[in-house]
Amino acid sequence: MIVVTGATGNVGRALVERPAAADRPVRALTRDPQRAGLPAGAEVVRFEPDRPAALFEGATRLFLYVRAVGEQAPAFLAAARAAGVRHVVLLSSGIIQEGADESHPIHVMHATAERQILDSGLAWTFLRPNAFAVNAFQ
């Protein structure tokens, strides 16, 4: 099973929809399950990052949206690993590249998250998109 943070955002929602439509287990974390509007096939769970242990029961993979966990990331990742999660995919940022302004707040946030994941001992994949077409409408 995959656990998805940021499950009601553009990327997280699309990620939840695919396994749910294929009858594959997916746990969508959201702060407001009643208003999430996620597919019926998804297990929708209230996201409480300061109480993560139960969030990962039966999961082997985690999709992490860094703003979802913030400063609690190290404890969150440790709880995921202790519960059996083996691989984390981070929605990072294209700002993480050689020659980037390392003082930029977006760089700091994502570089910190990548470092925390590297330190967690979990297998990892970092996705570093530069922009999303859907955001052009905002």
N, C-alpha and C. Protein backbone atom coordinates (compact mmCIF):
# COMPACT_ATOMS: atom_id res chain seq x y z
N MET A 1 0.84 -1.18 0.00
CA MET A 1 0.00 0.00 0.00
C MET A 1 0.88 1.24 0.00
N ILE A 2 0.39 2.27 -0.66
CA ILE A 2 1.06 3.56 -0.64
C ILE A 2 0.25 4.53 0.21
N VAL A 3 0.93 5.32 1.01
CA VAL A 3 0.33 6.39 1.79
C VAL A 3 0.65 7.69 1.07
N VAL A 4 -0.37 8.52 0.86
CA VAL A 4 -0.19 9.75 0.11
C VAL A 4 -0.47 10.96 1.00
N THR A 5 0.55 11.79 1.22
CA THR A 5 0.33 13.08 1.89
C THR A 5 0.01 14.10 0.81
N GLY A 6 -0.65 15.18 1.19
CA GLY A 6 -1.06 16.16 0.19
C GLY A 6 -2.11 15.59 -0.74
N ALA A 7 -2.93 14.68 -0.24
CA ALA A 7 -3.87 13.91 -1.07
C ALA A 7 -4.98 14.73 -1.70
N THR A 8 -5.24 15.93 -1.22
CA THR A 8 -6.28 16.74 -1.83
C THR A 8 -5.72 17.81 -2.76
N GLY A 9 -4.41 17.85 -2.92
CA GLY A 9 -3.79 18.79 -3.85
C GLY A 9 -3.82 18.24 -5.27
N ASN A 10 -3.35 19.02 -6.21
CA ASN A 10 -3.39 18.61 -7.62
C ASN A 10 -2.63 17.32 -7.88
N VAL A 11 -1.42 17.22 -7.39
CA VAL A 11 -0.59 16.03 -7.63
C VAL A 11 -1.08 14.87 -6.76
N GLY A 12 -1.28 15.11 -5.47
CA GLY A 12 -1.71 14.06 -4.57
C GLY A 12 -3.04 13.45 -4.98
N ARG A 13 -4.00 14.28 -5.36
CA ARG A 13 -5.31 13.78 -5.78
C ARG A 13 -5.17 12.86 -7.00
N ALA A 14 -4.39 13.28 -7.99
CA ALA A 14 -4.18 12.44 -9.18
C ALA A 14 -3.51 11.13 -8.80
N LEU A 15 -2.59 11.18 -7.86
CA LEU A 15 -1.91 9.97 -7.42
C LEU A 15 -2.87 9.04 -6.69
N VAL A 16 -3.77 9.54 -5.90
CA VAL A 16 -4.75 8.71 -5.18
C VAL A 16 -5.73 8.08 -6.16
N GLU A 17 -6.14 8.82 -7.16
CA GLU A 17 -7.16 8.33 -8.10
C GLU A 17 -6.72 7.09 -8.87
N ARG A 18 -5.46 7.02 -9.26
CA ARG A 18 -5.00 5.90 -10.12
C ARG A 18 -5.08 4.55 -9.42
N PRO A 19 -4.46 4.36 -8.25
CA PRO A 19 -4.60 3.05 -7.61
C PRO A 19 -6.02 2.77 -7.16
N ALA A 20 -6.75 3.77 -6.74
CA ALA A 20 -8.14 3.56 -6.31
C ALA A 20 -8.97 3.03 -7.47
N ALA A 21 -8.78 3.58 -8.66
CA ALA A 21 -9.52 3.14 -9.84
C ALA A 21 -9.15 1.72 -10.25
N ALA A 22 -7.93 1.31 -9.92
CA ALA A 22 -7.45 -0.03 -10.27
C ALA A 22 -7.66 -1.03 -9.13
N ASP A 23 -8.41 -0.63 -8.12
CA ASP A 23 -8.67 -1.49 -6.95
C ASP A 23 -7.40 -1.88 -6.22
N ARG A 24 -6.43 -0.96 -6.19
CA ARG A 24 -5.19 -1.18 -5.45
C ARG A 24 -5.23 -0.34 -4.19
N PRO A 25 -4.65 -0.84 -3.11
CA PRO A 25 -4.76 -0.12 -1.84
C PRO A 25 -3.98 1.19 -1.83
N VAL A 26 -4.67 2.24 -1.40
CA VAL A 26 -4.05 3.56 -1.27
C VAL A 26 -4.69 4.23 -0.06
N ARG A 27 -3.85 4.82 0.76
CA ARG A 27 -4.33 5.56 1.94
C ARG A 27 -4.04 7.04 1.71
N ALA A 28 -5.11 7.82 1.65
CA ALA A 28 -5.01 9.25 1.41
C ALA A 28 -5.09 9.99 2.74
N LEU A 29 -4.07 10.77 3.04
CA LEU A 29 -4.06 11.54 4.28
C LEU A 29 -4.56 12.95 4.01
N THR A 30 -5.50 13.38 4.83
CA THR A 30 -6.07 14.71 4.69
C THR A 30 -6.47 15.24 6.06
N ARG A 31 -6.42 16.52 6.21
CA ARG A 31 -6.79 17.12 7.50
C ARG A 31 -8.31 17.13 7.70
N ASP A 32 -9.08 16.99 6.62
CA ASP A 32 -10.53 17.01 6.73
C ASP A 32 -11.13 15.93 5.83
N PRO A 33 -11.18 14.67 6.31
CA PRO A 33 -11.68 13.57 5.49
C PRO A 33 -13.09 13.77 4.94
N GLN A 34 -13.98 14.43 5.69
CA GLN A 34 -15.36 14.62 5.24
C GLN A 34 -15.45 15.52 4.01
N ARG A 35 -14.53 16.44 3.87
CA ARG A 35 -14.58 17.38 2.75
C ARG A 35 -13.59 17.05 1.64
N ALA A 36 -12.86 15.96 1.76
CA ALA A 36 -11.78 15.65 0.81
C ALA A 36 -12.28 15.34 -0.59
N GLY A 37 -13.43 14.68 -0.71
CA GLY A 37 -13.96 14.35 -2.03
C GLY A 37 -13.08 13.41 -2.81
N LEU A 38 -12.44 12.47 -2.13
CA LEU A 38 -11.54 11.52 -2.80
C LEU A 38 -12.33 10.29 -3.25
N PRO A 39 -11.79 9.50 -4.18
CA PRO A 39 -12.52 8.36 -4.72
C PRO A 39 -12.90 7.34 -3.63
N ALA A 40 -14.01 6.68 -3.86
CA ALA A 40 -14.52 5.70 -2.90
C ALA A 40 -13.53 4.57 -2.63
N GLY A 41 -12.71 4.22 -3.59
CA GLY A 41 -11.76 3.13 -3.42
C GLY A 41 -10.56 3.47 -2.55
N ALA A 42 -10.41 4.73 -2.21
CA ALA A 42 -9.28 5.16 -1.37
C ALA A 42 -9.67 5.10 0.10
N GLU A 43 -8.71 4.70 0.93
CA GLU A 43 -8.90 4.79 2.37
C GLU A 43 -8.51 6.22 2.76
N VAL A 44 -9.47 6.99 3.21
CA VAL A 44 -9.23 8.40 3.55
C VAL A 44 -9.11 8.50 5.07
N VAL A 45 -7.97 9.03 5.52
CA VAL A 45 -7.64 9.06 6.94
C VAL A 45 -7.28 10.48 7.35
N ARG A 46 -7.72 10.86 8.54
CA ARG A 46 -7.36 12.17 9.08
C ARG A 46 -5.84 12.20 9.30
N PHE A 47 -5.21 13.23 8.77
CA PHE A 47 -3.76 13.37 8.85
C PHE A 47 -3.38 14.15 10.10
N GLU A 48 -2.71 13.47 11.00
CA GLU A 48 -2.20 14.09 12.21
C GLU A 48 -0.71 13.80 12.26
N PRO A 49 0.12 14.71 11.70
CA PRO A 49 1.55 14.44 11.59
C PRO A 49 2.27 14.25 12.92
N ASP A 50 1.68 14.76 14.00
CA ASP A 50 2.32 14.58 15.31
C ASP A 50 1.96 13.23 15.94
N ARG A 51 1.08 12.45 15.28
CA ARG A 51 0.71 11.10 15.74
C ARG A 51 0.74 10.16 14.54
N PRO A 52 1.92 9.89 13.99
CA PRO A 52 2.00 9.20 12.70
C PRO A 52 1.93 7.68 12.72
N ALA A 53 2.15 7.01 13.82
CA ALA A 53 2.31 5.56 13.82
C ALA A 53 1.17 4.83 13.10
N ALA A 54 -0.07 5.14 13.40
CA ALA A 54 -1.20 4.42 12.81
C ALA A 54 -1.38 4.73 11.32
N LEU A 55 -0.82 5.82 10.85
CA LEU A 55 -0.98 6.21 9.45
C LEU A 55 -0.33 5.22 8.48
N PHE A 56 0.66 4.49 8.97
CA PHE A 56 1.48 3.65 8.08
C PHE A 56 1.20 2.15 8.18
N GLU A 57 0.26 1.75 8.98
CA GLU A 57 -0.02 0.32 9.14
C GLU A 57 -0.31 -0.32 7.79
N GLY A 58 0.46 -1.35 7.43
CA GLY A 58 0.28 -2.06 6.18
C GLY A 58 0.88 -1.40 4.96
N ALA A 59 1.54 -0.27 5.12
CA ALA A 59 2.10 0.47 3.98
C ALA A 59 3.56 0.12 3.77
N THR A 60 3.98 0.14 2.53
CA THR A 60 5.39 -0.06 2.18
C THR A 60 5.97 1.14 1.44
N ARG A 61 5.09 2.05 1.00
CA ARG A 61 5.53 3.21 0.23
C ARG A 61 4.84 4.47 0.73
N LEU A 62 5.54 5.60 0.56
CA LEU A 62 5.03 6.89 1.01
C LEU A 62 5.29 7.93 -0.06
N PHE A 63 4.25 8.69 -0.40
CA PHE A 63 4.41 9.86 -1.25
C PHE A 63 4.35 11.06 -0.33
N LEU A 64 5.40 11.85 -0.33
CA LEU A 64 5.52 12.94 0.63
C LEU A 64 5.48 14.30 -0.06
N TYR A 65 4.52 15.10 0.38
CA TYR A 65 4.44 16.50 0.00
C TYR A 65 4.99 17.26 1.19
N VAL A 66 6.12 17.91 1.02
CA VAL A 66 6.89 18.45 2.14
C VAL A 66 6.09 19.42 3.00
N ARG A 67 5.23 20.21 2.42
CA ARG A 67 4.46 21.17 3.22
C ARG A 67 3.46 20.46 4.15
N ALA A 68 3.15 19.23 3.85
CA ALA A 68 2.19 18.49 4.68
C ALA A 68 2.77 18.17 6.05
N VAL A 69 4.07 17.91 6.13
CA VAL A 69 4.65 17.49 7.41
C VAL A 69 5.52 18.54 8.06
N GLY A 70 6.08 19.44 7.27
CA GLY A 70 6.87 20.54 7.82
C GLY A 70 7.99 20.08 8.73
N GLU A 71 8.10 20.71 9.88
CA GLU A 71 9.19 20.45 10.82
C GLU A 71 9.11 19.08 11.47
N GLN A 72 7.98 18.41 11.33
CA GLN A 72 7.82 17.09 11.93
C GLN A 72 8.35 15.98 11.02
N ALA A 73 8.97 16.33 9.90
CA ALA A 73 9.42 15.34 8.93
C ALA A 73 10.32 14.26 9.52
N PRO A 74 11.34 14.56 10.32
CA PRO A 74 12.19 13.48 10.83
C PRO A 74 11.40 12.44 11.65
N ALA A 75 10.53 12.88 12.53
CA ALA A 75 9.72 11.95 13.32
C ALA A 75 8.74 11.20 12.43
N PHE A 76 8.18 11.89 11.46
CA PHE A 76 7.24 11.29 10.52
C PHE A 76 7.92 10.18 9.72
N LEU A 77 9.11 10.45 9.21
CA LEU A 77 9.87 9.46 8.45
C LEU A 77 10.30 8.29 9.32
N ALA A 78 10.70 8.56 10.55
CA ALA A 78 11.08 7.49 11.48
C ALA A 78 9.89 6.58 11.77
N ALA A 79 8.72 7.17 11.95
CA ALA A 79 7.51 6.36 12.19
C ALA A 79 7.17 5.53 10.96
N ALA A 80 7.33 6.10 9.79
CA ALA A 80 7.07 5.36 8.55
C ALA A 80 8.00 4.16 8.45
N ARG A 81 9.25 4.38 8.68
CA ARG A 81 10.24 3.29 8.59
C ARG A 81 9.95 2.21 9.63
N ALA A 82 9.65 2.62 10.85
CA ALA A 82 9.36 1.66 11.93
C ALA A 82 8.12 0.81 11.61
N ALA A 83 7.18 1.39 10.87
CA ALA A 83 5.94 0.67 10.54
C ALA A 83 6.08 -0.21 9.31
N GLY A 84 7.22 -0.15 8.62
CA GLY A 84 7.42 -1.02 7.47
C GLY A 84 7.49 -0.33 6.12
N VAL A 85 7.37 0.99 6.10
CA VAL A 85 7.55 1.72 4.84
C VAL A 85 9.01 1.58 4.43
N ARG A 86 9.24 1.30 3.16
CA ARG A 86 10.60 1.08 2.67
C ARG A 86 11.05 2.10 1.63
N HIS A 87 10.09 2.79 1.00
CA HIS A 87 10.45 3.71 -0.08
C HIS A 87 9.60 4.97 0.03
N VAL A 88 10.23 6.11 -0.08
CA VAL A 88 9.53 7.39 -0.06
C VAL A 88 9.80 8.14 -1.35
N VAL A 89 8.74 8.69 -1.92
CA VAL A 89 8.85 9.56 -3.09
C VAL A 89 8.53 10.97 -2.61
N LEU A 90 9.44 11.88 -2.84
CA LEU A 90 9.27 13.27 -2.41
C LEU A 90 8.96 14.14 -3.61
N LEU A 91 7.88 14.91 -3.52
CA LEU A 91 7.62 15.95 -4.51
C LEU A 91 8.46 17.14 -4.09
N SER A 92 9.66 17.21 -4.67
CA SER A 92 10.62 18.25 -4.32
C SER A 92 10.43 19.44 -5.26
N SER A 93 11.49 20.06 -5.72
CA SER A 93 11.40 21.24 -6.57
C SER A 93 12.59 21.32 -7.52
N GLY A 94 12.33 21.83 -8.70
CA GLY A 94 13.38 22.05 -9.68
C GLY A 94 14.40 23.09 -9.25
N ILE A 95 14.11 23.81 -8.18
CA ILE A 95 15.07 24.81 -7.68
C ILE A 95 16.30 24.13 -7.08
N ILE A 96 16.19 22.85 -6.79
CA ILE A 96 17.32 22.10 -6.24
C ILE A 96 18.22 21.70 -7.41
N GLN A 97 19.19 22.53 -7.68
CA GLN A 97 20.13 22.27 -8.77
C GLN A 97 21.40 23.06 -8.51
N GLU A 98 22.46 22.66 -9.18
CA GLU A 98 23.74 23.34 -9.02
C GLU A 98 23.62 24.79 -9.44
N GLY A 99 24.14 25.67 -8.62
CA GLY A 99 24.12 27.09 -8.92
C GLY A 99 22.86 27.80 -8.45
N ALA A 100 21.95 27.08 -7.80
CA ALA A 100 20.71 27.71 -7.33
C ALA A 100 20.98 28.61 -6.13
N ASP A 101 20.08 29.53 -5.91
CA ASP A 101 20.16 30.40 -4.74
C ASP A 101 19.76 29.57 -3.52
N GLU A 102 20.74 29.12 -2.76
CA GLU A 102 20.48 28.23 -1.64
C GLU A 102 19.83 28.92 -0.45
N SER A 103 19.69 30.23 -0.51
CA SER A 103 19.02 30.94 0.57
C SER A 103 17.52 31.15 0.28
N HIS A 104 17.10 30.83 -0.93
CA HIS A 104 15.70 30.99 -1.31
C HIS A 104 14.84 30.07 -0.44
N PRO A 105 13.73 30.55 0.11
CA PRO A 105 12.92 29.73 1.02
C PRO A 105 12.44 28.41 0.43
N ILE A 106 12.12 28.38 -0.86
CA ILE A 106 11.68 27.13 -1.48
C ILE A 106 12.85 26.15 -1.56
N HIS A 107 14.04 26.67 -1.88
CA HIS A 107 15.22 25.82 -1.91
C HIS A 107 15.49 25.24 -0.52
N VAL A 108 15.47 26.09 0.48
CA VAL A 108 15.74 25.65 1.85
C VAL A 108 14.76 24.56 2.26
N MET A 109 13.47 24.77 2.01
CA MET A 109 12.45 23.80 2.41
C MET A 109 12.67 22.44 1.75
N HIS A 110 12.90 22.43 0.45
CA HIS A 110 13.04 21.16 -0.26
C HIS A 110 14.41 20.51 -0.02
N ALA A 111 15.46 21.30 0.04
CA ALA A 111 16.78 20.73 0.33
C ALA A 111 16.80 20.10 1.72
N THR A 112 16.13 20.74 2.67
CA THR A 112 16.04 20.19 4.02
C THR A 112 15.29 18.86 4.00
N ALA A 113 14.17 18.82 3.29
CA ALA A 113 13.38 17.58 3.20
C ALA A 113 14.20 16.47 2.54
N GLU A 114 14.91 16.78 1.47
CA GLU A 114 15.73 15.76 0.81
C GLU A 114 16.80 15.24 1.76
N ARG A 115 17.42 16.12 2.50
CA ARG A 115 18.46 15.71 3.46
C ARG A 115 17.85 14.81 4.55
N GLN A 116 16.68 15.16 5.03
CA GLN A 116 16.02 14.36 6.06
C GLN A 116 15.67 12.97 5.54
N ILE A 117 15.26 12.89 4.30
CA ILE A 117 14.96 11.59 3.70
C ILE A 117 16.23 10.78 3.53
N LEU A 118 17.29 11.40 3.05
CA LEU A 118 18.57 10.69 2.92
C LEU A 118 19.02 10.14 4.28
N ASP A 119 18.81 10.92 5.33
CA ASP A 119 19.20 10.51 6.68
C ASP A 119 18.28 9.46 7.28
N SER A 120 17.09 9.28 6.71
CA SER A 120 16.09 8.37 7.28
C SER A 120 16.42 6.89 7.07
N GLY A 121 17.26 6.60 6.08
CA GLY A 121 17.56 5.20 5.78
C GLY A 121 16.57 4.56 4.83
N LEU A 122 15.56 5.30 4.41
CA LEU A 122 14.58 4.77 3.45
C LEU A 122 15.11 4.88 2.03
N ALA A 123 14.69 3.96 1.17
CA ALA A 123 14.95 4.13 -0.25
C ALA A 123 14.15 5.36 -0.69
N TRP A 124 14.62 6.06 -1.71
CA TRP A 124 13.97 7.31 -2.05
C TRP A 124 13.98 7.59 -3.55
N THR A 125 13.04 8.42 -3.95
CA THR A 125 12.99 9.02 -5.27
C THR A 125 12.61 10.47 -5.07
N PHE A 126 13.38 11.38 -5.64
CA PHE A 126 13.08 12.80 -5.55
C PHE A 126 12.58 13.28 -6.91
N LEU A 127 11.38 13.82 -6.95
CA LEU A 127 10.82 14.41 -8.16
C LEU A 127 11.05 15.91 -8.06
N ARG A 128 11.67 16.49 -9.08
CA ARG A 128 12.03 17.91 -9.03
C ARG A 128 11.41 18.68 -10.21
N PRO A 129 10.10 18.83 -10.20
CA PRO A 129 9.45 19.57 -11.30
C PRO A 129 9.74 21.07 -11.18
N ASN A 130 9.66 21.74 -12.31
CA ASN A 130 9.87 23.19 -12.31
C ASN A 130 8.54 23.95 -12.26
N ALA A 131 7.51 23.44 -12.91
CA ALA A 131 6.22 24.11 -12.93
C ALA A 131 5.15 23.11 -13.32
N PHE A 132 3.93 23.44 -12.99
CA PHE A 132 2.78 22.60 -13.36
C PHE A 132 1.84 23.46 -14.20
N ALA A 133 1.37 22.92 -15.30
CA ALA A 133 0.48 23.67 -16.19
C ALA A 133 -0.78 24.12 -15.46
N VAL A 134 -1.32 23.28 -14.60
CA VAL A 134 -2.54 23.63 -13.89
C VAL A 134 -2.36 24.87 -13.02
N ASN A 135 -1.15 25.13 -12.57
CA ASN A 135 -0.89 26.30 -11.73
C ASN A 135 -0.91 27.61 -12.53
N ALA A 136 -0.82 27.50 -13.84
CA ALA A 136 -0.85 28.70 -14.68
C ALA A 136 -2.19 29.43 -14.57
N PHE A 137 -3.24 28.70 -14.20
CA PHE A 137 -4.56 29.32 -14.06
C PHE A 137 -4.72 30.11 -12.77
N GLN A 138 -3.78 29.95 -11.85
CA GLN A 138 -3.91 30.65 -10.56
C GLN A 138 -3.45 32.04 -10.73
